Each structure stands twice: as C-alpha cells, then as structure tokens.
Amino acid sequence: MKVIALDSSPRGRGISKTRLLLDAMVNGMQEAGAEVEDFRLREKKVRLCLGCFTCWSKTPGVCVHKDDMTNELFPKWSEADIAVYATPLYHYTVNAAMKAFIERTLPIVEPFMVKQGDRTHHPLRGKPPKAVILSVAGFPDPSIFNPLGSYMNFLFGKGILAEIYRPAAEMMVLPSYSRILNEILDATAQAGREIVQTMQVSGPTMERITQPIDNDVDSMCEMVNLFWKTCIKEGVSPREFTERKMVPRPDSIDTFLMLMLSAFDSDSTAGTKAVIQFNFTGEIEGACHLAVDNGRVSAQEGPAANPDLTVESPFDVWMDIVTGKADGGQMFMQQRYRVTGDISLLLRMKDWFGDTSE
C-alpha cells in the first residue's frame, strides 16, 4: 500500500502539533507495512492555481505550472492508495498551503458536467487516493472542526477513510498532561495501523485520540489568556516565548496556583508528603497552599492547618522568581522574602515544579 502524507503546517518539529500527531500516524502506518512518503508543503513550491483551465484543454491532465506540484507532488498523489491531509485549523478550515495543494489537484478531473442525483459534478480523469483528514486546534471544543468536516465530506465524500480532529492541541503538550499526550500519540499510531489494515479507525481508538485534556474549560481558558497576556506585555511571539523558555506570569493567586499545578512533575514527588504555604503581600494579598502527596498535588486558596514550609513574599517578587526574572537564592540572601519551616523543601521545589521555582 502506498501512502502520501501531506503536512501543511508552517511550523517545524518541536512546535507543530500537526506534525506531532502526523509523526505518530506515519509510524503506525509504516509498522503495518505501508510505504509512506511524507511531504512538508512549506518546503515545496506549490504555486496558486491560475484558473486558466489549460489542464482541461490545451494539456489535458497536466498543469501549466512547472513547479514541485506538477513535477513531484501531483504524480505521487495520483499513484497513492491513501492521502493523509494533515492541516492545522485556520479560520475553521484548512490553511492556505493545504488549500493551494487541493486546488492544484484540478487536473485529475475533466471539464465536462455530469448530473448525478441532485448534484452536478466533473467526471474523474483518474482514481484519486482515499482520504484521511488530520487536524488540530487550540480551542477545546470538538465542534470547532464542524466547518472543516463539512468541507472535507463535500469534497471527498465516501472516499474518506477517517477524520481525526484533536482539540486543545496546545494544552496537551504541557507537563501536567504528559500521560494523556502519550495516550493520544499511542492511539494515533494505532489509528495509522488500523487504516492500513482495515481502512478505518475503530471507535475505541478514536475515543482515545479525542479524549478531553481537561474538563475544567474555564481554567484552561484562563491559562491560555495568561500566556497571551505575558506575550503581549513582554513583546514576544509564541515562538520566541518557547525558545526563551519563558513562563506565563500569574496575575492573581488563582492563576499562580493554576500555573503550579500545570508545571507539577508527579514522578519527582514519589514517596513525598508536604504542605507549602504562601503568604503574599503587596499589590496582591492573600494566602494559598500546595499539598504534595506521593506523586499528587492539590492547591487551595487560604492558609493550611499545619504547613511544613511557609513562604512570605511580596507577590511581585515571588512572580519574578517563578518566571525566571529573578534568582530565588539571591532574593533570599537579600531578604526579599522569608521562609519558616523545613527549608529543604524550598530547594526541592525546582524538581517538583520545574523552571517555575528557580
């Protein structure tokens, strides 16, 4: 079986969530014995369709453009048994690179009009590959893909083998969701194997791929908004934010606790039980605490009954430490904040909560 995988994301590996899922699917397809050719459209020259209809009249089946689409991609696509269309969701449908590719497949149809039922269409010049649709979006709502699904079903109809849509894609790569991410990627690889072996994806596999990242959508939205507020305030793009290993800056006790929960590394606290309380002063005042218990963590506003460690700090000072703008050790030596209780817990927080505790 020949498969052509088309990645239209403008982002590279390590950033692209489209690529992350496509890699898993391609691996699964190859494990099932398929011959997969993987193309990144951003690396190819695919000119826009001119609407000249030369491919329908003067050179039937051959586009007037002499680019990578004509010379490489279209022949590979035409020969494939399956085409995987992997696109990020842009304005509720495919992005421009994928749309340009799809439009340039026009040479496979003939110009004549044929009436079939209540629909008029162009007859095919050749047999197009079966379609697998793979897309990701930042929004947590599965319904966000409805316009894309409608477009793809109208375009490919019964030729679609599977539609795999992954909402909340930006959230799934956070450390706190690592277990769910591994399940999603494992299920996506399984989907690749099933498509090659049975030409469909089973219900249980699809449920694993599309499982909710977090049922607390309000908190998810608040963390996403915090990320964008930080980007805007610091004048950086999301890519620069990632490259600089920046941390969203909490603007309330509530968002501080959310950040700590999202950064929590459960493996580093196996066999550990401790309660850490924070007493904040300054522009934002109040108490909150984190309770670590053998690989689990909970957060709550207000003081704890018997904290093992208490941190007293101006809110802005501690947020500078959390976001890496200030060194926690130097701030302690300068008496910018105080601690009481088991100070060894302060040193271990970096392991428990990653870079947010430096």
Protein backbone atom coordinates (compact mmCIF):
# COMPACT_ATOMS: atom_id res chain seq x y z
CA MET A 1 0.00 0.00 0.00
CA LYS A 2 1.27 3.44 -0.94
CA VAL A 3 0.52 6.41 1.33
CA ILE A 4 1.32 10.06 0.76
CA ALA A 5 1.36 12.18 3.93
CA LEU A 6 0.90 15.90 3.38
CA ASP A 7 1.87 18.22 6.23
CA SER A 8 0.73 21.79 5.59
CA SER A 9 1.80 23.24 8.94
CA PRO A 10 4.14 26.25 8.64
CA ARG A 11 5.78 25.19 11.90
CA GLY A 12 8.61 22.72 12.35
CA ARG A 13 9.08 19.73 14.62
CA GLY A 14 9.00 20.57 18.31
CA ILE A 15 6.43 23.32 17.75
CA SER A 16 3.88 21.93 15.30
CA LYS A 17 1.13 19.87 16.94
CA THR A 18 0.01 18.82 13.46
CA ARG A 19 3.46 17.34 12.93
CA LEU A 20 3.39 15.68 16.35
CA LEU A 21 0.27 13.69 15.54
CA LEU A 22 1.26 13.06 11.92
CA ASP A 23 4.58 11.55 13.02
CA ALA A 24 2.69 9.11 15.24
CA MET A 25 0.27 8.18 12.46
CA VAL A 26 3.06 7.71 9.90
CA ASN A 27 4.94 5.44 12.33
CA GLY A 28 1.83 3.34 12.81
CA MET A 29 1.23 3.07 9.06
CA GLN A 30 4.82 2.01 8.45
CA GLU A 31 4.60 -0.58 11.23
CA ALA A 32 1.56 -2.01 9.45
CA GLY A 33 3.61 -2.40 6.28
CA ALA A 34 2.62 0.67 4.27
CA GLU A 35 5.08 2.56 2.08
CA VAL A 36 4.73 6.14 3.28
CA GLU A 37 6.13 9.22 1.56
CA ASP A 38 5.99 12.22 3.87
CA PHE A 39 5.99 15.74 2.42
CA ARG A 40 6.13 19.10 4.20
CA LEU A 41 4.35 21.55 1.94
CA ARG A 42 6.22 24.53 3.39
CA GLU A 43 9.38 23.08 1.84
CA LYS A 44 7.79 22.73 -1.60
CA LYS A 45 6.96 25.21 -4.33
CA VAL A 46 3.23 24.97 -4.95
CA ARG A 47 2.06 27.94 -7.00
CA LEU A 48 -1.53 29.10 -6.81
CA CYS A 49 -4.00 27.80 -9.38
CA LEU A 50 -4.46 30.39 -12.13
CA GLY A 51 -7.91 29.24 -13.13
CA CYS A 52 -6.70 29.17 -16.73
CA PHE A 53 -8.10 25.67 -17.43
CA THR A 54 -5.06 24.80 -19.54
CA CYS A 55 -5.08 21.40 -17.78
CA TRP A 56 -8.60 20.87 -19.19
CA SER A 57 -8.00 21.93 -22.77
CA LYS A 58 -4.52 22.51 -24.21
CA THR A 59 -2.67 19.97 -22.00
CA PRO A 60 -5.36 17.63 -20.59
CA GLY A 61 -4.35 16.37 -17.15
CA VAL A 62 -1.19 18.49 -16.98
CA CYS A 63 -0.93 21.84 -15.15
CA VAL A 64 0.65 24.85 -16.83
CA HIS A 65 2.86 25.47 -13.77
CA LYS A 66 6.26 23.77 -13.76
CA ASP A 67 6.81 23.55 -10.02
CA ASP A 68 7.06 20.91 -7.28
CA MET A 69 3.34 20.20 -7.50
CA THR A 70 3.47 19.31 -11.18
CA ASN A 71 6.86 17.62 -11.15
CA GLU A 72 6.62 15.66 -7.88
CA LEU A 73 3.62 16.02 -5.60
CA PHE A 74 0.78 15.52 -8.09
CA PRO A 75 2.29 12.33 -9.59
CA LYS A 76 2.94 10.92 -6.11
CA TRP A 77 -0.59 11.84 -5.01
CA SER A 78 -2.12 10.28 -8.13
CA GLU A 79 -0.27 6.99 -7.57
CA ALA A 80 -1.05 6.74 -3.85
CA ASP A 81 -3.71 4.48 -2.35
CA ILE A 82 -4.20 6.81 0.63
CA ALA A 83 -3.52 10.52 1.13
CA VAL A 84 -3.25 11.94 4.64
CA TYR A 85 -4.21 15.62 4.67
CA ALA A 86 -2.65 17.00 7.86
CA THR A 87 -3.51 20.65 8.47
CA PRO A 88 -3.80 22.98 11.43
CA LEU A 89 -7.23 24.57 11.72
CA TYR A 90 -7.02 28.09 10.26
CA HIS A 91 -10.22 30.15 10.23
CA TYR A 92 -12.17 26.94 10.83
CA THR A 93 -10.88 25.05 7.78
CA VAL A 94 -7.63 24.03 6.04
CA ASN A 95 -4.77 26.51 5.93
CA ALA A 96 -3.58 28.25 2.77
CA ALA A 97 -0.84 25.73 1.94
CA MET A 98 -3.26 22.81 2.03
CA LYS A 99 -5.90 24.73 0.09
CA ALA A 100 -3.35 25.53 -2.61
CA PHE A 101 -2.42 21.84 -2.84
CA ILE A 102 -6.06 20.76 -3.07
CA GLU A 103 -6.82 23.34 -5.77
CA ARG A 104 -3.83 22.14 -7.79
CA THR A 105 -5.31 18.62 -8.00
CA LEU A 106 -7.75 20.03 -10.58
CA PRO A 107 -6.02 18.15 -13.47
CA ILE A 108 -7.46 14.87 -12.17
CA VAL A 109 -10.96 15.91 -13.26
CA GLU A 110 -12.34 16.51 -16.74
CA PRO A 111 -14.18 19.71 -17.69
CA PHE A 112 -17.50 18.10 -18.59
CA MET A 113 -20.56 18.45 -16.38
CA VAL A 114 -22.41 15.32 -15.31
CA LYS A 115 -25.70 15.27 -13.44
CA GLN A 116 -25.97 12.56 -10.80
CA GLY A 117 -28.94 12.69 -8.46
CA ASP A 118 -29.32 16.21 -7.15
CA ARG A 119 -25.66 17.10 -7.68
CA THR A 120 -23.70 18.15 -10.75
CA HIS A 121 -20.02 17.22 -10.89
CA HIS A 122 -16.99 16.78 -13.14
CA PRO A 123 -16.04 13.20 -14.11
CA LEU A 124 -12.67 11.96 -12.90
CA ARG A 125 -9.73 11.55 -15.26
CA GLY A 126 -8.08 9.13 -12.83
CA LYS A 127 -8.65 7.50 -9.47
CA PRO A 128 -7.78 9.78 -6.54
CA PRO A 129 -6.42 8.27 -3.31
CA LYS A 130 -8.64 7.56 -0.34
CA ALA A 131 -8.52 10.39 2.18
CA VAL A 132 -7.54 10.62 5.83
CA ILE A 133 -8.11 14.01 7.43
CA LEU A 134 -5.93 15.02 10.40
CA SER A 135 -6.26 18.41 12.06
CA VAL A 136 -5.51 20.16 15.35
CA ALA A 137 -6.89 23.29 17.01
CA GLY A 138 -6.22 25.28 20.15
CA PHE A 139 -9.88 25.58 21.14
CA PRO A 140 -11.11 22.81 23.48
CA ASP A 141 -14.48 22.36 21.75
CA PRO A 142 -14.74 19.42 19.28
CA SER A 143 -17.43 21.36 17.39
CA ILE A 144 -14.75 23.79 16.21
CA PHE A 145 -13.99 21.28 13.44
CA ASN A 146 -17.55 21.17 12.08
CA PRO A 147 -16.86 23.58 9.15
CA LEU A 148 -13.72 21.66 8.19
CA GLY A 149 -15.55 18.34 8.38
CA SER A 150 -18.36 19.69 6.21
CA TYR A 151 -15.88 20.90 3.58
CA MET A 152 -13.90 17.65 3.53
CA ASN A 153 -17.00 15.48 3.32
CA PHE A 154 -18.38 17.52 0.43
CA LEU A 155 -15.01 17.33 -1.32
CA PHE A 156 -14.07 13.67 -0.77
CA GLY A 157 -17.42 12.09 0.18
CA LYS A 158 -17.26 8.32 0.53
CA GLY A 159 -13.55 8.47 -0.22
CA ILE A 160 -12.82 9.49 3.39
CA LEU A 161 -11.45 6.65 5.49
CA ALA A 162 -11.07 8.64 8.73
CA GLU A 163 -11.40 12.13 10.18
CA ILE A 164 -9.11 12.71 13.17
CA TYR A 165 -9.62 16.04 14.89
CA ARG A 166 -7.68 16.93 18.05
CA PRO A 167 -8.96 19.96 20.03
CA ALA A 168 -6.99 21.63 22.85
CA ALA A 169 -3.79 20.73 20.99
CA GLU A 170 -1.67 23.49 22.53
CA MET A 171 -2.61 22.38 26.05
CA MET A 172 -1.83 18.70 25.56
CA VAL A 173 1.94 19.30 25.45
CA LEU A 174 2.06 20.83 28.96
CA PRO A 175 3.98 18.74 31.52
CA SER A 176 0.89 18.10 33.63
CA TYR A 177 -0.80 16.39 30.66
CA SER A 178 2.14 14.20 29.66
CA ARG A 179 0.30 10.97 30.43
CA ILE A 180 -2.68 11.99 28.30
CA LEU A 181 -0.39 13.15 25.49
CA ASN A 182 1.34 9.76 25.44
CA GLU A 183 -2.06 8.06 25.25
CA ILE A 184 -3.14 10.32 22.38
CA LEU A 185 0.05 9.68 20.41
CA ASP A 186 -0.14 5.94 21.05
CA ALA A 187 -3.76 5.94 19.85
CA THR A 188 -2.86 7.99 16.77
CA ALA A 189 -0.18 5.44 15.87
CA GLN A 190 -2.79 2.71 16.38
CA ALA A 191 -5.13 4.63 14.06
CA GLY A 192 -2.38 4.55 11.42
CA ARG A 193 -2.07 0.78 11.78
CA GLU A 194 -5.84 0.29 11.61
CA ILE A 195 -6.21 2.46 8.49
CA VAL A 196 -3.65 0.34 6.64
CA GLN A 197 -5.03 -2.96 7.91
CA THR A 198 -8.80 -2.33 7.85
CA MET A 199 -9.27 1.01 6.01
CA GLN A 200 -10.97 2.54 9.05
CA VAL A 201 -10.34 3.63 12.64
CA SER A 202 -12.11 1.77 15.44
CA GLY A 203 -14.36 3.58 17.90
CA PRO A 204 -12.18 2.87 20.97
CA THR A 205 -9.08 4.19 19.19
CA MET A 206 -10.88 7.35 18.12
CA GLU A 207 -12.13 7.89 21.68
CA ARG A 208 -8.56 7.71 22.97
CA ILE A 209 -7.36 10.24 20.40
CA THR A 210 -10.14 12.72 21.12
CA GLN A 211 -10.31 12.29 24.91
CA PRO A 212 -10.72 15.55 26.87
CA ILE A 213 -7.49 17.15 28.04
CA ASP A 214 -9.12 18.91 30.97
CA ASN A 215 -12.78 19.06 31.94
CA ASP A 216 -12.26 22.46 33.56
CA VAL A 217 -12.57 24.56 30.41
CA ASP A 218 -12.81 27.83 32.36
CA SER A 219 -9.41 27.24 33.97
CA MET A 220 -7.96 26.20 30.62
CA CYS A 221 -9.14 29.44 29.04
CA GLU A 222 -7.70 31.43 31.95
CA MET A 223 -4.26 29.83 31.50
CA VAL A 224 -4.33 30.41 27.74
CA ASN A 225 -5.22 34.05 28.33
CA LEU A 226 -2.39 34.35 30.84
CA PHE A 227 0.04 33.07 28.22
CA TRP A 228 -1.12 35.68 25.71
CA LYS A 229 -1.07 38.49 28.27
CA THR A 230 2.57 37.61 29.01
CA CYS A 231 3.47 37.54 25.30
CA ILE A 232 1.86 40.94 24.78
CA LYS A 233 3.46 42.51 27.86
CA GLU A 234 6.92 41.17 27.03
CA GLY A 235 6.57 41.91 23.31
CA VAL A 236 7.38 38.37 22.15
CA SER A 237 5.83 35.94 19.70
CA PRO A 238 4.77 32.45 20.85
CA ARG A 239 7.83 31.03 19.11
CA GLU A 240 10.14 33.43 20.98
CA PHE A 241 8.29 32.61 24.19
CA THR A 242 9.06 28.93 23.66
CA GLU A 243 12.66 29.43 22.54
CA ARG A 244 13.42 31.59 25.58
CA LYS A 245 11.72 29.03 27.84
CA MET A 246 9.55 31.75 29.29
CA VAL A 247 6.82 31.16 31.85
CA PRO A 248 3.36 32.81 31.86
CA ARG A 249 3.32 35.45 34.61
CA PRO A 250 0.45 34.91 37.07
CA ASP A 251 -1.64 37.99 37.78
CA SER A 252 -3.61 36.57 40.72
CA ILE A 253 -3.36 33.93 43.42
CA ASP A 254 -5.75 31.80 41.39
CA THR A 255 -3.58 31.85 38.25
CA PHE A 256 -0.45 31.27 40.36
CA LEU A 257 -1.95 28.04 41.67
CA MET A 258 -3.05 27.03 38.18
CA LEU A 259 0.49 27.55 36.90
CA MET A 260 1.99 25.47 39.68
CA LEU A 261 -0.47 22.64 39.02
CA SER A 262 0.28 22.70 35.28
CA ALA A 263 4.06 22.54 35.91
CA PHE A 264 3.89 19.78 38.53
CA ASP A 265 6.11 16.73 37.92
CA SER A 266 4.46 13.80 39.68
CA ASP A 267 7.45 11.44 39.27
CA SER A 268 9.73 13.71 41.30
CA THR A 269 7.48 13.56 44.39
CA ALA A 270 7.01 9.81 44.71
CA GLY A 271 7.09 8.96 48.43
CA THR A 272 6.95 12.65 49.42
CA LYS A 273 4.31 14.32 51.56
CA ALA A 274 4.49 18.05 52.27
CA VAL A 275 2.36 21.18 52.51
CA ILE A 276 3.77 24.52 51.31
CA GLN A 277 2.00 27.75 52.17
CA PHE A 278 2.44 31.14 50.55
CA ASN A 279 1.57 34.39 52.30
CA PHE A 280 1.57 37.15 49.68
CA THR A 281 1.73 40.87 50.35
CA GLY A 282 1.83 43.99 48.19
CA GLU A 283 -0.45 44.69 45.28
CA ILE A 284 -1.99 41.22 45.57
CA GLU A 285 -2.50 39.98 49.12
CA GLY A 286 -3.65 36.64 50.44
CA ALA A 287 -2.64 33.12 51.39
CA CYS A 288 -2.68 29.85 49.49
CA HIS A 289 -1.06 26.46 49.78
CA LEU A 290 0.05 23.43 47.79
CA ALA A 291 -0.25 19.91 49.20
CA VAL A 292 2.06 17.29 47.72
CA ASP A 293 1.21 13.69 48.50
CA ASN A 294 3.13 10.82 46.87
CA GLY A 295 3.03 11.98 43.25
CA ARG A 296 -0.11 14.05 43.54
CA VAL A 297 -0.68 17.72 44.21
CA SER A 298 -3.65 19.82 45.21
CA ALA A 299 -3.97 23.58 45.50
CA GLN A 300 -6.21 25.77 47.59
CA GLU A 301 -6.55 29.41 48.48
CA GLY A 302 -6.28 30.28 52.17
CA PRO A 303 -3.90 29.11 54.90
CA ALA A 304 -3.13 25.47 55.65
CA ALA A 305 -3.64 23.96 59.10
CA ASN A 306 -0.06 22.74 59.59
CA PRO A 307 2.23 23.75 56.71
CA ASP A 308 5.68 22.18 56.52
CA LEU A 309 7.07 25.29 54.84
CA THR A 310 5.74 28.84 54.77
CA VAL A 311 6.92 31.41 52.22
CA GLU A 312 6.23 35.08 52.97
CA SER A 313 6.84 37.32 50.00
CA PRO A 314 5.54 40.30 48.06
CA PHE A 315 3.50 38.82 45.21
CA ASP A 316 5.56 40.57 42.52
CA VAL A 317 8.84 39.32 43.97
CA TRP A 318 7.71 35.72 44.00
CA MET A 319 6.30 36.01 40.47
CA ASP A 320 9.70 37.33 39.33
CA ILE A 321 11.20 34.15 40.79
CA VAL A 322 8.52 31.92 39.28
CA THR A 323 9.02 33.37 35.79
CA GLY A 324 12.81 33.33 35.96
CA LYS A 325 13.24 37.11 36.07
CA ALA A 326 14.91 36.86 39.47
CA ASP A 327 17.10 34.25 41.13
CA GLY A 328 15.39 32.68 44.13
CA GLY A 329 18.64 32.19 46.02
CA GLN A 330 19.74 35.79 45.55
CA MET A 331 16.32 37.09 46.53
CA PHE A 332 16.52 35.02 49.72
CA MET A 333 20.02 36.31 50.59
CA GLN A 334 18.77 39.87 50.02
CA GLN A 335 15.87 39.13 52.36
CA ARG A 336 13.32 39.97 49.67
CA TYR A 337 11.23 37.10 51.03
CA ARG A 338 11.27 34.93 54.16
CA VAL A 339 10.66 31.27 54.87
CA THR A 340 9.85 29.32 58.02
CA GLY A 341 9.75 25.58 58.50
CA ASP A 342 11.59 22.89 56.50
CA ILE A 343 13.82 24.96 54.19
CA SER A 344 14.93 21.82 52.34
CA LEU A 345 11.50 21.81 50.70
CA LEU A 346 12.32 25.18 49.15
CA LEU A 347 15.34 23.63 47.43
CA ARG A 348 13.31 20.67 46.18
CA MET A 349 10.58 22.79 44.61
CA LYS A 350 12.62 23.22 41.44
CA ASP A 351 12.39 19.47 40.84
CA TRP A 352 8.72 19.35 41.72
CA PHE A 353 7.58 22.32 39.65
CA GLY A 354 10.31 22.63 37.03
CA ASP A 355 11.64 26.03 36.00
CA THR A 356 8.78 27.88 37.67
CA SER A 357 10.51 27.53 41.06
CA GLU A 358 14.01 28.73 40.17
